[in-house]
Amino acid sequence: MEETLTFSDIFKKSFLESGGLMQNLTVSVFTRAAAYILLSVILGVLLFLLYQKTYSGVVYSRGFALSILGMTVLTCAIIVTIQSNTVLSLGMVGALSIVRYRTAVKDPMDLLYLFWAVASGIATGAGMFLIALFVFLVMAAILLIVNRLKGKRDEMYILLVHYSGDGIDEKIRRALGTHPYKIKSKTMRKTDMEMAVEVRVKKNDMRFAETLRKDEAIHDLTLVQYSGDYID
């Protein structure tokens, strides 16, 4: 009668063949693992520098940039550790499945870099460093080209004007001239009014602001750069 192996038998056999939880660590195994981890450090540093170069947000977080480097190295270390040990791989999957990340990622580009770091760590840990490097070169070229093209575009601002009196709305429109703009809100109080205008201007072209500032009916104005994307 042929004996049927259960999952428990297969797991025990794999556990015994792997030497229990203490896998035999030879010099060649350690050297290969160290080489993969060092290569992941190189990729992580390249990702860190590229993130600094292409960052276009308002507040740069050095901690997040360093986490990209750390995630690349740690992911590589996990892959190197579990790739030849069934017991450790199952245990690692179980441990990672209960981890919950509560930090909100507000910028989609940050999410891209996190996923990129994980993918680079997996590829390097699996011994496919050339593939990870090739992907890095392709993605870096795309991001740098897009970032360069974006730098040549117009700048978007939110213009906040606090004023009183009649006819100021028309003066604001005349001052904006040919600049594309859109009135976002208008707050009216007893004698004072406040208008928020989204305006697109050429790089460093703030002549309209100087024109409005000289008007005595305008109490103050504020320009806030808007970093969101817009479509021509």
Protein backbone atom coordinates (compact mmCIF):
# COMPACT_ATOMS: atom_id res chain seq x y z
CA MET A 1 0.00 0.00 0.00
CA GLU A 2 1.47 3.31 -1.09
CA GLU A 3 1.95 5.84 1.71
CA THR A 4 0.34 9.27 1.23
CA LEU A 5 2.39 12.26 2.26
CA THR A 6 0.57 15.08 4.00
CA PHE A 7 1.60 18.73 4.11
CA SER A 8 2.79 18.17 7.68
CA ASP A 9 5.11 15.36 6.51
CA ILE A 10 6.52 17.52 3.70
CA PHE A 11 7.07 20.39 6.13
CA LYS A 12 8.87 18.14 8.64
CA LYS A 13 11.04 16.67 5.90
CA SER A 14 11.99 20.12 4.65
CA PHE A 15 12.72 21.21 8.23
CA LEU A 16 15.03 18.25 8.85
CA GLU A 17 16.81 18.55 5.49
CA SER A 18 17.48 22.23 6.10
CA GLY A 19 19.23 21.44 9.38
CA GLY A 20 16.48 22.81 11.60
CA LEU A 21 16.45 26.52 12.11
CA MET A 22 20.27 26.69 11.94
CA GLN A 23 21.19 26.36 8.29
CA ASN A 24 24.81 25.45 7.63
CA LEU A 25 26.51 28.76 6.89
CA THR A 26 29.52 28.14 4.68
CA VAL A 27 32.04 30.72 3.57
CA SER A 28 30.72 30.66 0.01
CA VAL A 29 27.12 31.20 1.17
CA PHE A 30 28.15 34.09 3.41
CA THR A 31 30.28 35.66 0.66
CA ARG A 32 27.44 35.46 -1.85
CA ALA A 33 24.97 36.95 0.64
CA ALA A 34 27.36 39.76 1.54
CA ALA A 35 27.92 40.54 -2.15
CA TYR A 36 24.16 40.74 -2.81
CA ILE A 37 23.62 43.00 0.19
CA LEU A 38 26.46 45.32 -0.87
CA LEU A 39 24.95 45.52 -4.35
CA SER A 40 21.59 46.40 -2.79
CA VAL A 41 23.31 49.19 -0.84
CA ILE A 42 24.60 50.60 -4.14
CA LEU A 43 21.12 50.48 -5.67
CA GLY A 44 19.61 52.01 -2.53
CA VAL A 45 22.07 54.91 -2.61
CA LEU A 46 21.28 55.50 -6.30
CA LEU A 47 17.55 55.56 -5.48
CA PHE A 48 18.21 57.93 -2.58
CA LEU A 49 20.13 60.37 -4.83
CA LEU A 50 17.55 60.12 -7.62
CA TYR A 51 14.73 60.88 -5.16
CA GLN A 52 16.59 64.00 -4.02
CA LYS A 53 17.14 65.08 -7.63
CA THR A 54 13.56 64.60 -8.82
CA TYR A 55 11.67 65.65 -5.68
CA SER A 56 9.16 68.39 -6.52
CA GLY A 57 7.02 68.56 -3.37
CA VAL A 58 6.78 71.31 -0.78
CA VAL A 59 8.56 69.79 2.24
CA TYR A 60 11.42 67.36 1.60
CA SER A 61 11.61 64.51 4.12
CA ARG A 62 15.14 63.19 4.57
CA GLY A 63 13.76 60.40 6.75
CA PHE A 64 11.58 59.13 3.90
CA ALA A 65 14.52 59.29 1.48
CA LEU A 66 16.63 57.23 3.89
CA SER A 67 13.80 54.74 4.27
CA ILE A 68 14.04 54.07 0.52
CA LEU A 69 17.68 53.08 0.99
CA GLY A 70 16.90 50.98 4.05
CA MET A 71 13.96 49.22 2.41
CA THR A 72 16.11 48.18 -0.56
CA VAL A 73 18.76 46.64 1.69
CA LEU A 74 16.31 44.97 4.09
CA THR A 75 14.24 43.47 1.28
CA CYS A 76 17.41 42.05 -0.26
CA ALA A 77 18.43 40.59 3.11
CA ILE A 78 15.03 38.91 3.48
CA ILE A 79 15.22 37.35 0.01
CA VAL A 80 18.78 36.12 0.59
CA THR A 81 17.75 34.59 3.91
CA ILE A 82 14.64 32.73 2.79
CA GLN A 83 15.46 31.73 -0.78
CA SER A 84 16.99 28.38 0.21
CA ASN A 85 15.04 27.58 3.40
CA THR A 86 11.38 26.55 3.25
CA VAL A 87 10.88 26.89 7.00
CA LEU A 88 12.19 30.43 7.14
CA SER A 89 10.27 31.44 4.02
CA LEU A 90 6.96 30.27 5.50
CA GLY A 91 7.73 31.90 8.82
CA MET A 92 8.69 35.17 7.13
CA VAL A 93 5.49 35.20 5.08
CA GLY A 94 3.47 34.67 8.26
CA ALA A 95 5.35 37.41 10.11
CA LEU A 96 5.03 39.96 7.30
CA SER A 97 1.33 39.21 6.83
CA ILE A 98 0.48 40.68 10.25
CA VAL A 99 2.39 43.94 9.69
CA ARG A 100 0.19 46.97 9.11
CA TYR A 101 1.60 50.26 7.84
CA ARG A 102 -0.36 53.24 9.12
CA THR A 103 1.71 56.05 7.57
CA ALA A 104 -0.27 57.74 4.80
CA VAL A 105 1.59 58.24 1.53
CA LYS A 106 0.28 61.53 0.15
CA ASP A 107 2.40 61.79 -3.00
CA PRO A 108 1.97 59.02 -5.61
CA MET A 109 5.65 59.43 -6.52
CA ASP A 110 6.61 58.45 -2.96
CA LEU A 111 4.60 55.26 -3.40
CA LEU A 112 6.44 54.63 -6.67
CA TYR A 113 9.81 54.90 -4.94
CA LEU A 114 8.73 52.58 -2.13
CA PHE A 115 7.57 49.93 -4.59
CA TRP A 116 10.72 50.49 -6.63
CA ALA A 117 12.91 49.95 -3.55
CA VAL A 118 11.13 46.68 -2.73
CA ALA A 119 11.40 45.46 -6.33
CA SER A 120 15.11 46.33 -6.44
CA GLY A 121 15.72 44.48 -3.19
CA ILE A 122 13.90 41.39 -4.44
CA ALA A 123 15.77 41.36 -7.76
CA THR A 124 19.16 41.86 -6.10
CA GLY A 125 18.48 39.24 -3.42
CA ALA A 126 17.52 36.76 -6.13
CA GLY A 127 20.87 37.33 -7.88
CA MET A 128 19.42 39.44 -10.72
CA PHE A 129 21.38 42.62 -10.05
CA LEU A 130 21.81 43.41 -13.76
CA ILE A 131 18.04 43.40 -14.24
CA ALA A 132 17.60 45.69 -11.22
CA LEU A 133 20.32 48.01 -12.56
CA PHE A 134 18.78 48.05 -16.03
CA VAL A 135 15.35 48.93 -14.59
CA PHE A 136 16.98 51.68 -12.54
CA LEU A 137 18.66 53.20 -15.62
CA VAL A 138 15.43 53.11 -17.64
CA MET A 139 13.28 54.58 -14.85
CA ALA A 140 15.90 57.20 -13.95
CA ALA A 141 16.08 58.34 -17.58
CA ILE A 142 12.28 58.64 -17.76
CA LEU A 143 12.00 60.57 -14.48
CA LEU A 144 14.87 62.95 -15.29
CA ILE A 145 13.47 63.72 -18.74
CA VAL A 146 9.97 64.32 -17.38
CA ASN A 147 11.36 66.44 -14.54
CA ARG A 148 13.36 68.54 -17.01
CA LEU A 149 10.36 69.10 -19.26
CA LYS A 150 8.20 70.00 -16.27
CA GLY A 151 10.74 72.63 -15.19
CA LYS A 152 10.24 74.49 -18.46
CA ARG A 153 6.50 74.84 -17.98
CA ASP A 154 4.68 77.80 -16.49
CA GLU A 155 4.27 78.15 -12.75
CA MET A 156 0.91 77.98 -11.01
CA TYR A 157 0.03 80.31 -8.12
CA ILE A 158 -2.93 81.02 -5.86
CA LEU A 159 -3.36 84.78 -5.61
CA LEU A 160 -5.16 85.99 -2.44
CA VAL A 161 -6.27 89.63 -2.64
CA HIS A 162 -7.76 91.50 0.33
CA TYR A 163 -9.42 94.76 -0.77
CA SER A 164 -12.32 97.17 -0.29
CA GLY A 165 -14.28 99.41 -2.63
CA ASP A 166 -16.03 98.99 -5.95
CA GLY A 167 -14.47 98.22 -9.29
CA ILE A 168 -11.47 96.36 -7.85
CA ASP A 169 -12.52 93.08 -9.45
CA GLU A 170 -12.10 94.64 -12.87
CA LYS A 171 -8.71 96.10 -11.88
CA ILE A 172 -7.53 92.64 -10.84
CA ARG A 173 -8.63 91.19 -14.17
CA ARG A 174 -6.83 93.94 -16.08
CA ALA A 175 -3.66 93.44 -14.02
CA LEU A 176 -3.66 89.71 -14.78
CA GLY A 177 -3.86 90.58 -18.46
CA THR A 178 -3.16 87.61 -20.70
CA HIS A 179 -2.19 85.29 -17.84
CA PRO A 180 -4.59 82.30 -17.73
CA TYR A 181 -6.52 82.54 -14.48
CA LYS A 182 -9.59 81.19 -12.71
CA ILE A 183 -11.43 82.74 -9.78
CA LYS A 184 -11.60 80.04 -7.10
CA SER A 185 -13.48 81.89 -4.35
CA LYS A 186 -14.68 85.30 -3.24
CA THR A 187 -15.41 86.18 0.38
CA MET A 188 -17.46 89.30 1.09
CA ARG A 189 -17.54 90.95 4.50
CA LYS A 190 -19.10 94.28 5.55
CA THR A 191 -16.64 96.55 3.81
CA ASP A 192 -13.80 94.23 2.91
CA MET A 193 -13.59 91.47 0.36
CA GLU A 194 -11.17 88.67 -0.33
CA MET A 195 -10.66 86.93 -3.65
CA ALA A 196 -8.70 83.76 -4.39
CA VAL A 197 -7.51 83.43 -7.97
CA GLU A 198 -5.63 80.56 -9.56
CA VAL A 199 -3.22 82.08 -12.07
CA ARG A 200 -0.58 80.62 -14.36
CA VAL A 201 2.46 82.80 -15.03
CA LYS A 202 5.74 82.59 -16.86
CA LYS A 203 8.74 81.79 -14.72
CA ASN A 204 9.54 84.73 -12.38
CA ASP A 205 7.01 87.01 -14.12
CA MET A 206 5.40 88.86 -11.19
CA ARG A 207 4.65 92.23 -12.79
CA PHE A 208 0.92 91.87 -12.18
CA ALA A 209 1.57 91.60 -8.44
CA GLU A 210 3.54 94.86 -8.44
CA THR A 211 0.69 96.56 -10.31
CA LEU A 212 -1.88 95.39 -7.77
CA ARG A 213 0.33 96.29 -4.81
CA LYS A 214 0.38 99.96 -5.85
CA ASP A 215 -3.42 100.22 -5.74
CA GLU A 216 -4.52 101.94 -2.52
CA ALA A 217 -7.82 100.04 -2.41
CA ILE A 218 -5.96 96.75 -2.08
CA HIS A 219 -4.92 96.20 1.53
CA ASP A 220 -2.66 93.21 0.95
CA LEU A 221 -2.08 90.34 -1.43
CA THR A 222 -0.50 86.92 -1.02
CA LEU A 223 0.99 84.63 -3.66
CA VAL A 224 1.13 80.93 -2.83
CA GLN A 225 2.81 78.61 -5.30
CA TYR A 226 0.58 75.72 -6.27
CA SER A 227 2.54 72.53 -6.87
CA GLY A 228 -0.35 70.46 -8.20
CA ASP A 229 -0.44 69.17 -11.76
CA TYR A 230 -2.47 70.89 -14.43
CA ILE A 231 -3.26 70.22 -18.07
CA ASP A 232 -2.66 72.65 -20.91
